[in-house]
Amino acid sequence: MSRGVLVTGAATGLGRAVALAFAGRGERVAVHYRSGRAGAETTLAALPGEGHALVQGDLAHDATQIADAAEEALGGVDVLVNNAAVAPGDDNAHPLASTDFEQWQRVWRQSVEVNLLGTADLTYRVARHMIARGAPGRIVHVGSRGAFRGEPDYPAYGATKAALHAFGQSLAVSLAPHGISVASVAPGFIATDRQAHRLTGESGEALRTQSPFGRVAEPGEIADAIVYLADPGSSWASGTVLDLNGASYLRT
């Protein structure tokens, strides 16, 4: 029997790749988006199989609405992939030495509200639905290599992703008695449409040479790892933070 899978931030990029990967394995997917409805509809239209749905909501404020809508649309959420985040971009760089205080505060608060608090609230709501149904579940957080390597131009991103990894490990312990496994992935740079401009010229060459493979990750490679961690047979990976960076950063 197919499972219900909620993927946050699935309108584009990695979220879309994750939704496609699950649907390609026969799962029913709720495609969450905040404001990019056109992109979410494109994702939905590309999903093979039946029983998929769109779920709209601002993760920072609408966690209950998102969880309840996905639960109803799918007949139960069995897998939650926390992918949505305030990601590094040209508009939210905030290196301390050259950023004014107003920008610093704005980016930090937005990052914490979405990447940590909104994700925590949604996880709470979805996990409580799982517990109420007595259903084994899987939760996968999309963290970042930056949680370990550091993000000098985006410290709020690095800090919130580190907190997300720690949150996942805490839940892995507390939710195991309920049959719910929790794991995280820590990707390096991913070749999404949003980041395509950074892969041109010298900046692109610098990013590619970070890995001995001489390239950056494709979204599908990260999606496949997320599907593995969410597999019914992967419960023993609960608590894992899986590095997916092409040996560009090695933790000790």
C-alpha atoms as a PDB file:
ATOM      1  CA  MET A   1       0.000   0.000   0.000  1.00  0.00           C
ATOM      2  CA  SER A   2       1.309   3.432  -0.911  1.00  0.00           C
ATOM      3  CA  ARG A   3       2.254   5.922   1.782  1.00  0.00           C
ATOM      4  CA  GLY A   4       1.339   9.577   2.134  1.00  0.00           C
ATOM      5  CA  VAL A   5       4.370  11.872   1.853  1.00  0.00           C
ATOM      6  CA  LEU A   6       4.426  15.591   2.678  1.00  0.00           C
ATOM      7  CA  VAL A   7       7.314  17.479   1.090  1.00  0.00           C
ATOM      8  CA  THR A   8       7.681  21.089   2.144  1.00  0.00           C
ATOM      9  CA  GLY A   9       9.000  23.632  -0.321  1.00  0.00           C
ATOM     10  CA  ALA A  10       8.257  21.343  -3.258  1.00  0.00           C
ATOM     11  CA  ALA A  11       7.463  23.969  -5.905  1.00  0.00           C
ATOM     12  CA  THR A  12      10.993  23.948  -7.350  1.00  0.00           C
ATOM     13  CA  GLY A  13      14.522  22.696  -6.875  1.00  0.00           C
ATOM     14  CA  LEU A  14      15.329  19.935  -4.425  1.00  0.00           C
ATOM     15  CA  GLY A  15      11.757  19.799  -3.140  1.00  0.00           C
ATOM     16  CA  ARG A  16      10.475  19.048  -6.623  1.00  0.00           C
ATOM     17  CA  ALA A  17      13.121  16.343  -7.084  1.00  0.00           C
ATOM     18  CA  VAL A  18      12.110  14.766  -3.768  1.00  0.00           C
ATOM     19  CA  ALA A  19       8.424  14.801  -4.697  1.00  0.00           C
ATOM     20  CA  LEU A  20       9.210  13.168  -8.047  1.00  0.00           C
ATOM     21  CA  ALA A  21      11.389  10.518  -6.400  1.00  0.00           C
ATOM     22  CA  PHE A  22       8.673   9.466  -3.974  1.00  0.00           C
ATOM     23  CA  ALA A  23       5.908   9.534  -6.584  1.00  0.00           C
ATOM     24  CA  GLY A  24       8.107   7.470  -8.891  1.00  0.00           C
ATOM     25  CA  ARG A  25       8.103   4.767  -6.230  1.00  0.00           C
ATOM     26  CA  GLY A  26       4.315   4.732  -6.033  1.00  0.00           C
ATOM     27  CA  GLU A  27       3.848   7.036  -3.032  1.00  0.00           C
ATOM     28  CA  ARG A  28       1.143   9.722  -2.745  1.00  0.00           C
ATOM     29  CA  VAL A  29       2.694  13.162  -2.388  1.00  0.00           C
ATOM     30  CA  ALA A  30       1.452  16.428  -0.903  1.00  0.00           C
ATOM     31  CA  VAL A  31       3.324  19.223  -2.675  1.00  0.00           C
ATOM     32  CA  HIS A  32       3.690  22.095  -0.218  1.00  0.00           C
ATOM     33  CA  TYR A  33       4.363  25.650  -1.328  1.00  0.00           C
ATOM     34  CA  ARG A  34       4.208  29.081   0.251  1.00  0.00           C
ATOM     35  CA  SER A  35       3.640  31.508  -2.630  1.00  0.00           C
ATOM     36  CA  GLY A  36       4.911  29.865  -5.830  1.00  0.00           C
ATOM     37  CA  ARG A  37       1.674  28.222  -6.909  1.00  0.00           C
ATOM     38  CA  ALA A  38       2.682  28.022 -10.579  1.00  0.00           C
ATOM     39  CA  GLY A  39       5.806  26.076  -9.694  1.00  0.00           C
ATOM     40  CA  ALA A  40       3.881  23.823  -7.335  1.00  0.00           C
ATOM     41  CA  GLU A  41       1.344  23.077 -10.049  1.00  0.00           C
ATOM     42  CA  THR A  42       4.211  22.219 -12.399  1.00  0.00           C
ATOM     43  CA  THR A  43       5.564  19.793  -9.804  1.00  0.00           C
ATOM     44  CA  LEU A  44       2.124  18.271  -9.262  1.00  0.00           C
ATOM     45  CA  ALA A  45       1.532  17.810 -12.995  1.00  0.00           C
ATOM     46  CA  ALA A  46       4.874  16.003 -13.355  1.00  0.00           C
ATOM     47  CA  LEU A  47       4.191  13.430 -10.637  1.00  0.00           C
ATOM     48  CA  PRO A  48       3.404   9.937 -11.869  1.00  0.00           C
ATOM     49  CA  GLY A  49       0.565   8.029 -10.284  1.00  0.00           C
ATOM     50  CA  GLU A  50      -2.525   9.248  -8.464  1.00  0.00           C
ATOM     51  CA  GLY A  51      -3.594  10.659  -5.119  1.00  0.00           C
ATOM     52  CA  HIS A  52      -1.274  13.667  -5.061  1.00  0.00           C
ATOM     53  CA  ALA A  53      -2.291  17.085  -3.759  1.00  0.00           C
ATOM     54  CA  LEU A  54      -1.233  20.705  -3.355  1.00  0.00           C
ATOM     55  CA  VAL A  55      -0.897  22.159   0.143  1.00  0.00           C
ATOM     56  CA  GLN A  56      -0.359  25.887   0.601  1.00  0.00           C
ATOM     57  CA  GLY A  57       0.851  27.725   3.683  1.00  0.00           C
ATOM     58  CA  ASP A  58       3.532  29.915   5.202  1.00  0.00           C
ATOM     59  CA  LEU A  59       5.662  27.572   7.281  1.00  0.00           C
ATOM     60  CA  ALA A  60       6.421  30.319   9.800  1.00  0.00           C
ATOM     61  CA  HIS A  61       2.740  30.855  10.628  1.00  0.00           C
ATOM     62  CA  ASP A  62       0.582  28.059   9.197  1.00  0.00           C
ATOM     63  CA  ALA A  63       2.077  24.811  10.504  1.00  0.00           C
ATOM     64  CA  THR A  64      -1.213  23.470  11.830  1.00  0.00           C
ATOM     65  CA  GLN A  65      -3.043  24.322   8.609  1.00  0.00           C
ATOM     66  CA  ILE A  66      -0.359  22.651   6.488  1.00  0.00           C
ATOM     67  CA  ALA A  67      -0.273  19.484   8.594  1.00  0.00           C
ATOM     68  CA  ASP A  68      -4.051  19.132   8.746  1.00  0.00           C
ATOM     69  CA  ALA A  69      -4.522  19.795   5.028  1.00  0.00           C
ATOM     70  CA  ALA A  70      -1.905  17.195   4.087  1.00  0.00           C
ATOM     71  CA  GLU A  71      -3.362  14.667   6.535  1.00  0.00           C
ATOM     72  CA  GLU A  72      -6.801  15.057   4.987  1.00  0.00           C
ATOM     73  CA  ALA A  73      -5.653  15.150   1.358  1.00  0.00           C
ATOM     74  CA  LEU A  74      -3.493  12.033   1.658  1.00  0.00           C
ATOM     75  CA  GLY A  75      -5.577  10.101   4.137  1.00  0.00           C
ATOM     76  CA  GLY A  76      -2.655  10.292   6.537  1.00  0.00           C
ATOM     77  CA  VAL A  77       0.931  11.513   6.337  1.00  0.00           C
ATOM     78  CA  ASP A  78       3.383   8.655   6.792  1.00  0.00           C
ATOM     79  CA  VAL A  79       6.513  10.526   5.696  1.00  0.00           C
ATOM     80  CA  LEU A  80       7.438  14.153   6.326  1.00  0.00           C
ATOM     81  CA  VAL A  81      10.334  15.732   4.445  1.00  0.00           C
ATOM     82  CA  ASN A  82      11.257  19.094   5.955  1.00  0.00           C
ATOM     83  CA  ASN A  83      12.839  20.713   2.931  1.00  0.00           C
ATOM     84  CA  ALA A  84      11.475  24.284   2.938  1.00  0.00           C
ATOM     85  CA  ALA A  85      13.972  26.861   4.202  1.00  0.00           C
ATOM     86  CA  VAL A  86      15.256  30.387   3.895  1.00  0.00           C
ATOM     87  CA  ALA A  87      18.222  29.480   1.711  1.00  0.00           C
ATOM     88  CA  PRO A  88      21.335  31.556   0.934  1.00  0.00           C
ATOM     89  CA  GLY A  89      20.768  34.042  -1.850  1.00  0.00           C
ATOM     90  CA  ASP A  90      21.965  37.370  -3.182  1.00  0.00           C
ATOM     91  CA  ASP A  91      19.277  39.167  -1.172  1.00  0.00           C
ATOM     92  CA  ASN A  92      20.043  37.766   2.270  1.00  0.00           C
ATOM     93  CA  ALA A  93      23.831  37.641   2.653  1.00  0.00           C
ATOM     94  CA  HIS A  94      24.777  38.994   6.083  1.00  0.00           C
ATOM     95  CA  PRO A  95      28.512  38.765   6.876  1.00  0.00           C
ATOM     96  CA  LEU A  96      28.842  40.448  10.251  1.00  0.00           C
ATOM     97  CA  ALA A  97      31.601  42.911   9.379  1.00  0.00           C
ATOM     98  CA  SER A  98      29.775  44.484   6.433  1.00  0.00           C
ATOM     99  CA  THR A  99      26.055  44.121   7.236  1.00  0.00           C
ATOM    100  CA  ASP A 100      23.980  46.811   8.908  1.00  0.00           C
ATOM    101  CA  PHE A 101      22.121  45.847  12.069  1.00  0.00           C
ATOM    102  CA  GLU A 102      18.651  46.057  10.521  1.00  0.00           C
ATOM    103  CA  GLN A 103      19.580  43.566   7.781  1.00  0.00           C
ATOM    104  CA  TRP A 104      21.286  41.351  10.356  1.00  0.00           C
ATOM    105  CA  GLN A 105      18.163  41.222  12.511  1.00  0.00           C
ATOM    106  CA  ARG A 106      15.826  40.708   9.561  1.00  0.00           C
ATOM    107  CA  VAL A 107      17.688  37.719   8.134  1.00  0.00           C
ATOM    108  CA  TRP A 108      18.245  36.087  11.521  1.00  0.00           C
ATOM    109  CA  ARG A 109      14.616  36.337  12.527  1.00  0.00           C
ATOM    110  CA  GLN A 110      13.306  35.145   9.192  1.00  0.00           C
ATOM    111  CA  SER A 111      15.736  32.208   9.193  1.00  0.00           C
ATOM    112  CA  VAL A 112      14.855  31.137  12.718  1.00  0.00           C
ATOM    113  CA  GLU A 113      11.108  31.481  12.089  1.00  0.00           C
ATOM    114  CA  VAL A 114      11.171  29.287   8.982  1.00  0.00           C
ATOM    115  CA  ASN A 115      14.187  26.987   9.210  1.00  0.00           C
ATOM    116  CA  LEU A 116      13.771  26.126  12.867  1.00  0.00           C
ATOM    117  CA  LEU A 117      10.523  27.210  14.548  1.00  0.00           C
ATOM    118  CA  GLY A 118       8.211  26.636  11.584  1.00  0.00           C
ATOM    119  CA  THR A 119       9.820  23.290  10.885  1.00  0.00           C
ATOM    120  CA  ALA A 120       9.570  22.322  14.559  1.00  0.00           C
ATOM    121  CA  ASP A 121       5.887  23.273  14.666  1.00  0.00           C
ATOM    122  CA  LEU A 122       5.055  21.343  11.515  1.00  0.00           C
ATOM    123  CA  THR A 123       6.989  18.315  12.733  1.00  0.00           C
ATOM    124  CA  TYR A 124       5.046  18.419  15.997  1.00  0.00           C
ATOM    125  CA  ARG A 125       1.697  18.487  14.219  1.00  0.00           C
ATOM    126  CA  VAL A 126       2.557  15.747  11.726  1.00  0.00           C
ATOM    127  CA  ALA A 127       4.138  13.509  14.352  1.00  0.00           C
ATOM    128  CA  ARG A 128       1.118  13.855  16.618  1.00  0.00           C
ATOM    129  CA  HIS A 129      -1.097  12.737  13.732  1.00  0.00           C
ATOM    130  CA  MET A 130       1.182   9.711  13.252  1.00  0.00           C
ATOM    131  CA  ILE A 131       1.010   8.854  16.957  1.00  0.00           C
ATOM    132  CA  ALA A 132      -2.773   9.235  17.030  1.00  0.00           C
ATOM    133  CA  ARG A 133      -3.122   6.834  14.103  1.00  0.00           C
ATOM    134  CA  GLY A 134      -0.662   4.384  15.646  1.00  0.00           C
ATOM    135  CA  ALA A 135       1.189   4.454  12.335  1.00  0.00           C
ATOM    136  CA  PRO A 136       4.937   3.955  11.901  1.00  0.00           C
ATOM    137  CA  GLY A 137       6.356   7.100  10.370  1.00  0.00           C
ATOM    138  CA  ARG A 138       9.451   8.635   8.858  1.00  0.00           C
ATOM    139  CA  ILE A 139      10.691  12.208   9.222  1.00  0.00           C
ATOM    140  CA  VAL A 140      13.646  13.483   7.206  1.00  0.00           C
ATOM    141  CA  HIS A 141      15.160  16.922   7.751  1.00  0.00           C
ATOM    142  CA  VAL A 142      17.113  18.645   4.984  1.00  0.00           C
ATOM    143  CA  GLY A 143      20.032  20.230   6.792  1.00  0.00           C
ATOM    144  CA  SER A 144      23.305  21.411   5.320  1.00  0.00           C
ATOM    145  CA  ARG A 145      27.034  20.910   5.120  1.00  0.00           C
ATOM    146  CA  GLY A 146      27.174  24.517   6.350  1.00  0.00           C
ATOM    147  CA  ALA A 147      26.034  23.379   9.787  1.00  0.00           C
ATOM    148  CA  PHE A 148      29.496  21.846  10.241  1.00  0.00           C
ATOM    149  CA  ARG A 149      31.754  23.757   7.866  1.00  0.00           C
ATOM    150  CA  GLY A 150      30.345  27.183   8.732  1.00  0.00           C
ATOM    151  CA  GLU A 151      28.645  29.795   6.554  1.00  0.00           C
ATOM    152  CA  PRO A 152      30.619  33.042   6.926  1.00  0.00           C
ATOM    153  CA  ASP A 153      28.330  35.029   4.617  1.00  0.00           C
ATOM    154  CA  TYR A 154      25.154  33.321   5.862  1.00  0.00           C
ATOM    155  CA  PRO A 155      25.668  32.603   9.581  1.00  0.00           C
ATOM    156  CA  ALA A 156      21.934  32.424  10.317  1.00  0.00           C
ATOM    157  CA  TYR A 157      21.568  29.677   7.722  1.00  0.00           C
ATOM    158  CA  GLY A 158      24.450  27.658   9.168  1.00  0.00           C
ATOM    159  CA  ALA A 159      23.201  28.081  12.722  1.00  0.00           C
ATOM    160  CA  THR A 160      19.602  27.109  11.988  1.00  0.00           C
ATOM    161  CA  LYS A 161      20.671  24.066  10.003  1.00  0.00           C
ATOM    162  CA  ALA A 162      22.905  22.957  12.877  1.00  0.00           C
ATOM    163  CA  ALA A 163      19.925  23.350  15.193  1.00  0.00           C
ATOM    164  CA  LEU A 164      17.783  21.328  12.787  1.00  0.00           C
ATOM    165  CA  HIS A 165      20.261  18.439  12.919  1.00  0.00           C
ATOM    166  CA  ALA A 166      20.231  18.522  16.718  1.00  0.00           C
ATOM    167  CA  PHE A 167      16.438  18.708  16.754  1.00  0.00           C
ATOM    168  CA  GLY A 168      16.250  15.629  14.540  1.00  0.00           C
ATOM    169  CA  GLN A 169      18.533  13.631  16.796  1.00  0.00           C
ATOM    170  CA  SER A 170      16.497  14.568  19.872  1.00  0.00           C
ATOM    171  CA  LEU A 171      13.318  13.431  18.133  1.00  0.00           C
ATOM    172  CA  ALA A 172      14.968  10.217  16.954  1.00  0.00           C
ATOM    173  CA  VAL A 173      15.255   9.215  20.606  1.00  0.00           C
ATOM    174  CA  SER A 174      11.870  10.469  21.793  1.00  0.00           C
ATOM    175  CA  LEU A 175       9.795   9.174  18.879  1.00  0.00           C
ATOM    176  CA  ALA A 176      11.352   5.720  18.498  1.00  0.00           C
ATOM    177  CA  PRO A 177       8.923   4.149  21.021  1.00  0.00           C
ATOM    178  CA  HIS A 178       6.117   5.297  18.702  1.00  0.00           C
ATOM    179  CA  GLY A 179       7.675   3.622  15.665  1.00  0.00           C
ATOM    180  CA  ILE A 180       8.719   6.933  14.130  1.00  0.00           C
ATOM    181  CA  SER A 181      12.247   7.257  12.721  1.00  0.00           C
ATOM    182  CA  VAL A 182      13.912  10.638  12.277  1.00  0.00           C
ATOM    183  CA  ALA A 183      17.028  11.342  10.225  1.00  0.00           C
ATOM    184  CA  SER A 184      18.700  14.259   8.453  1.00  0.00           C
ATOM    185  CA  VAL A 185      20.723  14.862   5.328  1.00  0.00           C
ATOM    186  CA  ALA A 186      23.513  17.446   5.137  1.00  0.00           C
ATOM    187  CA  PRO A 187      24.003  18.326   1.469  1.00  0.00           C
ATOM    188  CA  GLY A 188      26.693  20.499   0.004  1.00  0.00           C
ATOM    189  CA  PHE A 189      26.025  22.734  -2.989  1.00  0.00           C
ATOM    190  CA  ILE A 190      23.167  21.544  -5.214  1.00  0.00           C
ATOM    191  CA  ALA A 191      22.634  22.532  -8.861  1.00  0.00           C
ATOM    192  CA  THR A 192      19.106  23.934  -8.592  1.00  0.00           C
ATOM    193  CA  ASP A 193      17.563  26.606 -10.792  1.00  0.00           C
ATOM    194  CA  ARG A 194      17.777  29.116  -7.932  1.00  0.00           C
ATOM    195  CA  GLN A 195      21.538  28.651  -7.703  1.00  0.00           C
ATOM    196  CA  ALA A 196      22.268  28.314 -11.436  1.00  0.00           C
ATOM    197  CA  HIS A 197      23.789  31.799 -11.721  1.00  0.00           C
ATOM    198  CA  ARG A 198      26.405  30.875  -9.128  1.00  0.00           C
ATOM    199  CA  LEU A 199      27.656  28.000 -11.288  1.00  0.00           C
ATOM    200  CA  THR A 200      28.896  30.244 -14.096  1.00  0.00           C
ATOM    201  CA  GLY A 201      32.343  31.756 -14.499  1.00  0.00           C
ATOM    202  CA  GLU A 202      34.951  31.763 -11.755  1.00  0.00           C
ATOM    203  CA  SER A 203      32.430  31.322  -8.950  1.00  0.00           C
ATOM    204  CA  GLY A 204      31.108  28.177 -10.600  1.00  0.00           C
ATOM    205  CA  GLU A 205      34.587  26.782 -11.064  1.00  0.00           C
ATOM    206  CA  ALA A 206      35.391  27.452  -7.407  1.00  0.00           C
ATOM    207  CA  LEU A 207      32.248  25.623  -6.300  1.00  0.00           C
ATOM    208  CA  ARG A 208      32.955  22.625  -8.508  1.00  0.00           C
ATOM    209  CA  THR A 209      36.547  22.292  -7.334  1.00  0.00           C
ATOM    210  CA  GLN A 210      35.422  22.028  -3.708  1.00  0.00           C
ATOM    211  CA  SER A 211      34.706  18.365  -4.456  1.00  0.00           C
ATOM    212  CA  PRO A 212      37.351  15.947  -5.783  1.00  0.00           C
ATOM    213  CA  PHE A 213      34.680  14.821  -8.242  1.00  0.00           C
ATOM    214  CA  GLY A 214      34.958  18.247  -9.865  1.00  0.00           C
ATOM    215  CA  ARG A 215      31.222  18.977  -9.809  1.00  0.00           C
ATOM    216  CA  VAL A 216      28.292  19.799  -7.545  1.00  0.00           C
ATOM    217  CA  ALA A 217      25.336  17.590  -6.655  1.00  0.00           C
ATOM    218  CA  GLU A 218      22.284  17.091  -8.827  1.00  0.00           C
ATOM    219  CA  PRO A 219      18.946  17.381  -6.989  1.00  0.00           C
ATOM    220  CA  GLY A 220      18.067  13.773  -7.817  1.00  0.00           C
ATOM    221  CA  GLU A 221      21.123  12.484  -5.978  1.00  0.00           C
ATOM    222  CA  ILE A 222      20.013  14.144  -2.754  1.00  0.00           C
ATOM    223  CA  ALA A 223      16.412  13.065  -3.330  1.00  0.00           C
ATOM    224  CA  ASP A 224      17.446   9.415  -3.650  1.00  0.00           C
ATOM    225  CA  ALA A 225      19.195   9.569  -0.275  1.00  0.00           C
ATOM    226  CA  ILE A 226      16.109  11.105   1.333  1.00  0.00           C
ATOM    227  CA  VAL A 227      13.960   8.325  -0.119  1.00  0.00           C
ATOM    228  CA  TYR A 228      16.367   5.780   1.350  1.00  0.00           C
ATOM    229  CA  LEU A 229      16.148   7.308   4.832  1.00  0.00           C
ATOM    230  CA  ALA A 230      12.347   7.307   4.575  1.00  0.00           C
ATOM    231  CA  ASP A 231      12.161   3.688   3.439  1.00  0.00           C
ATOM    232  CA  PRO A 232      10.257   1.302   5.726  1.00  0.00           C
ATOM    233  CA  GLY A 233      13.414  -0.795   5.986  1.00  0.00           C
ATOM    234  CA  SER A 234      15.649   2.074   7.123  1.00  0.00           C
ATOM    235  CA  SER A 235      14.464   2.497  10.697  1.00  0.00           C
ATOM    236  CA  TRP A 236      17.938   1.622  12.002  1.00  0.00           C
ATOM    237  CA  ALA A 237      19.248   4.805  10.372  1.00  0.00           C
ATOM    238  CA  SER A 238      17.182   6.877  12.813  1.00  0.00           C
ATOM    239  CA  GLY A 239      19.328   9.605  14.374  1.00  0.00           C
ATOM    240  CA  THR A 240      21.642   9.722  11.366  1.00  0.00           C
ATOM    241  CA  VAL A 241      22.957  12.944   9.866  1.00  0.00           C
ATOM    242  CA  LEU A 242      24.001  11.795   6.396  1.00  0.00           C
ATOM    243  CA  ASP A 243      26.689  13.875   4.682  1.00  0.00           C
ATOM    244  CA  LEU A 244      26.001  14.332   0.961  1.00  0.00           C
ATOM    245  CA  ASN A 245      28.726  16.647  -0.256  1.00  0.00           C
ATOM    246  CA  GLY A 246      30.924  14.686  -2.654  1.00  0.00           C
ATOM    247  CA  ALA A 247      33.807  14.630  -0.160  1.00  0.00           C
ATOM    248  CA  SER A 248      33.963  18.423  -0.283  1.00  0.00           C
ATOM    249  CA  TYR A 249      33.919  18.557   3.524  1.00  0.00           C
ATOM    250  CA  LEU A 250      34.890  15.685   5.796  1.00  0.00           C
ATOM    251  CA  ARG A 251      33.756  15.660   9.405  1.00  0.00           C
ATOM    252  CA  THR A 252      35.890  13.994  12.063  1.00  0.00           C
END
